[in-house]
Amino acid sequence: MAVRLTGTSLLTSHASLVTIFVQPGSSYLLTEGSYSVIFGKRTSETIFLLADRAAIPEIEPFLGASRGRLPHTAIEFANDPIYKKIEAIQNSADPNHYFMLSSLLMDLLERHSSACSDLHTLYRLPQLDPVFERICQEVIAAPQAHWSVPDAAAQCGYSVYHFSRTFKAKTGQGFPEFVNRVRSIQAVSLMCEGGKLPDEALKSVGIGEGSSANKALFKELGLTVADIRKMLTITESVRRSA
């Protein structure tokens, strides 16, 4: 079964003691074990492929069975030709069984996921002309720099008005919103996957501290610093009890 969920999320695997920042449009294969999750407010789309729903009772909240609060779409594969192939080789003695199964699972993920994991998808950027592509890549490479509309416009050789209007027309977001998105995503990734403390991660990407940091994260991702600290605390608690 695959589950399509809306909402930016933080997901912790109790087995691997890893907390990941679930990116919009990503696909994840959940195997047997316990998981903790915190959902943000910003709408996105993520596919979770459950290897064995019965083996993961903790996943029920994903399906809305316990509280019914989480928007989701369950996709049953009973009549799917790929799933039938998976069923056929699950107990196979073929030495290539593992590789065949992995290939089929990836086919399922690709079929039911609408996005990819490149930088353009991550930061909601279309393919751009060289001028705007360059400024966007510079922001991604150095989010902590002082990025202002006048400076960016001058770097691109445009007036402030023309730059602002054209950037929004080309990307669907204003330049300050793009900078905030880059900073927010990189800050949360540094906390969850880079092992940095929240204050250190926020400072390293130029978001700041206190209410300004909360405002930036919540506006873009629907998550607060407290949400992230809570998830990291869960991870540490599980690690200590292991």
Foldseek 3Di string as FASTA:
>chain_A
DKKKFWFWKWKAFLVVLAIAGDFALEEEEDEAGAMDMDGFDHTGIYMYHYPDCVRYVNCVVSVCPPPVPTDMDDDDCPPPPLVVVLVVLVPPPPPCSVVSNVVSVVVVRVVPTDDDDDPCRRLQADDDDPLVVVLLVVCLVQLQDDDDLCVSCVSSPHHSVVSQVVVCVRRVDGPVLSSLSSLLVQLLCCVRPVVDDNVVSNNRNNQDDDPSQQVSNCVRRRDGSVNSVVVNVVSVVSVVVD
